Protein backbone atom coordinates (compact mmCIF):
# COMPACT_ATOMS: atom_id res chain seq x y z
CA UNK A 1 3.16 -7.30 -20.03
CA UNK A 2 0.65 -9.65 -18.50
CA UNK A 3 -0.45 -11.50 -15.39
CA UNK A 4 2.12 -14.30 -13.65
CA UNK A 5 -0.27 -15.95 -11.48
CA UNK A 6 -4.22 -15.33 -10.71
CA UNK A 7 -4.75 -16.16 -6.88
CA UNK A 8 -8.52 -15.81 -5.55
CA UNK A 9 -9.42 -14.25 -2.44
CA UNK A 10 -8.59 -15.23 0.63
CA UNK A 11 -5.53 -16.51 -0.67
CA UNK A 12 -3.54 -19.44 0.88
CA UNK A 13 -0.28 -18.25 2.17
CA UNK A 14 1.57 -20.80 0.83
CA UNK A 15 0.22 -20.47 -2.59
CA UNK A 16 1.18 -16.74 -2.40
CA UNK A 17 4.62 -17.99 -1.06
CA UNK A 18 5.37 -20.73 -3.86
CA UNK A 19 4.07 -17.85 -6.29
CA UNK A 20 6.28 -15.49 -5.19
CA UNK A 21 9.49 -17.75 -5.33
CA UNK A 22 8.80 -18.96 -8.68
CA UNK A 23 8.38 -15.08 -9.63
CA UNK A 24 11.79 -14.45 -7.65
CA UNK A 25 13.29 -17.43 -9.49
CA UNK A 26 12.06 -16.48 -13.13
CA UNK A 27 13.16 -12.83 -12.86
CA UNK A 28 16.53 -13.77 -11.93
CA UNK A 29 17.49 -15.93 -15.04
CA UNK A 30 20.66 -15.42 -17.17
CA UNK A 31 19.15 -13.23 -19.76
CA UNK A 32 17.43 -10.65 -17.34
CA UNK A 33 20.59 -10.30 -15.60
CA UNK A 34 22.42 -10.05 -19.25
CA UNK A 35 20.37 -6.74 -19.39
CA UNK A 36 20.63 -4.74 -16.28
CA UNK A 37 22.00 -2.01 -16.13
CA UNK A 38 25.82 -1.25 -14.85
CA UNK A 39 25.33 -0.71 -10.95
CA UNK A 40 27.58 2.38 -10.66
CA UNK A 41 25.23 4.21 -13.05
CA UNK A 42 21.50 6.04 -12.15
CA UNK A 43 18.99 3.90 -13.68
CA UNK A 44 16.16 2.71 -13.82
CA UNK A 45 14.58 -0.23 -11.41
CA UNK A 46 13.42 -4.08 -13.78
CA UNK A 47 9.66 -2.76 -13.40
CA UNK A 48 10.46 1.04 -13.84
CA UNK A 49 9.08 2.17 -10.56
CA UNK A 50 12.19 2.93 -9.18
CA UNK A 51 15.17 5.26 -9.51
CA UNK A 52 18.33 3.29 -8.24
CA UNK A 53 21.34 5.06 -7.46
CA UNK A 54 24.82 3.89 -8.50
CA UNK A 55 25.16 2.87 -4.31
CA UNK A 56 22.08 0.93 -4.73
CA UNK A 57 19.12 2.94 -2.86
CA UNK A 58 15.91 2.51 -4.62
CA UNK A 59 13.85 5.65 -5.15
CA UNK A 60 10.20 4.86 -5.27
CA UNK A 61 8.61 6.90 -8.31
CA UNK A 62 4.98 8.07 -8.39
CA UNK A 63 3.53 7.65 -12.15
CA UNK A 64 4.26 11.27 -12.77
CA UNK A 65 7.69 11.25 -12.35
CA UNK A 66 8.70 7.71 -13.63
CA UNK A 67 7.64 9.43 -17.26
CA UNK A 68 10.05 12.28 -16.26
CA UNK A 69 12.87 10.53 -15.03
CA UNK A 70 12.60 8.21 -18.28
CA UNK A 71 12.56 10.69 -20.38
CA UNK A 72 15.46 12.30 -18.67
CA UNK A 73 17.78 8.37 -18.51
CA UNK A 74 17.20 8.87 -22.31
CA UNK A 75 19.74 11.40 -22.81
CA UNK A 76 22.10 11.26 -20.06
CA UNK A 77 24.78 14.35 -20.40
CA UNK A 78 22.36 16.00 -23.04
CA UNK A 79 20.22 18.81 -22.84
CA UNK A 80 16.57 17.73 -22.61
CA UNK A 81 14.57 20.93 -23.43
CA UNK A 82 11.66 21.65 -21.07
CA UNK A 83 8.94 21.23 -24.17
CA UNK A 84 10.52 17.90 -24.66
CA UNK A 85 10.09 17.03 -20.63
CA UNK A 86 6.24 18.53 -20.46
CA UNK A 87 5.68 16.28 -24.07
CA UNK A 88 6.54 13.08 -21.89
CA UNK A 89 3.97 14.33 -19.04
CA UNK A 90 0.81 15.20 -21.01
CA UNK A 91 -1.03 14.56 -24.16
CA UNK A 92 -2.25 18.49 -24.06
CA UNK A 93 1.34 20.53 -23.22
CA UNK A 94 -0.60 23.49 -24.26
CA UNK A 95 -2.72 23.41 -21.29
CA UNK A 96 0.00 22.24 -18.89
CA UNK A 97 1.23 24.52 -16.24
CA UNK A 98 5.25 24.69 -16.51
CA UNK A 99 5.77 25.46 -12.62
CA UNK A 100 4.12 22.03 -12.59
CA UNK A 101 7.67 20.37 -14.34
CA UNK A 102 9.67 22.75 -11.65
CA UNK A 103 8.03 21.41 -9.06
CA UNK A 104 8.28 17.83 -10.35
CA UNK A 105 11.75 18.04 -10.64
CA UNK A 106 12.32 19.50 -6.66
CA UNK A 107 10.38 16.53 -5.89
CA UNK A 108 12.41 13.70 -7.36
CA UNK A 109 15.98 15.54 -5.91
CA UNK A 110 14.47 16.18 -2.43
CA UNK A 111 13.50 11.97 -2.59
CA UNK A 112 16.78 11.32 -3.86
CA UNK A 113 18.35 13.62 -1.10
CA UNK A 114 16.31 11.48 1.18
CA UNK A 115 18.01 8.28 0.02
CA UNK A 116 21.65 9.73 0.59
CA UNK A 117 22.51 10.76 -3.07
CA UNK A 118 22.25 13.85 -4.68
CA UNK A 119 20.27 13.62 -8.25
CA UNK A 120 23.33 14.73 -11.08
CA UNK A 121 20.41 17.11 -12.52
CA UNK A 122 21.79 20.46 -13.95
CA UNK A 123 18.99 23.29 -14.63
CA UNK A 124 20.17 25.09 -17.86
CA UNK A 125 18.49 28.14 -17.51
CA UNK A 126 15.42 28.79 -19.53
CA UNK A 127 16.41 25.89 -21.58
CA UNK A 128 16.00 22.47 -19.95
CA UNK A 129 17.91 20.08 -17.70
CA UNK A 130 21.00 17.69 -18.12
CA UNK A 131 21.21 14.15 -16.58
CA UNK A 132 24.98 14.21 -15.46
CA UNK A 133 26.26 10.67 -15.25
């Protein structure tokens, strides 16, 4: 969405600290808090790089995992077909190895378990996945 500040190297520590305080203050505006998802649900954090559990545990995601999780969260409680998940991950669905999707799901589940919150994701054999709230 753009840059918030430009800090040339070597950066002065006071300038860096002031810039970060300003950024935090801006991000805590009432408009931002009003659009925050409910804390008792699985959701992406404000910048979209972490999946947040209902207990508040943040699970860092890679770029590919981020696209996968975002697609699953778009349809909570509904089946998301494997084809739709693959479309979210690549521009060439015909060259995408479907086993790669299974590996991604496994990796995200494992990350969630390490944070102490099992991912409420169910496999519908041969069809796709359901993210249960």
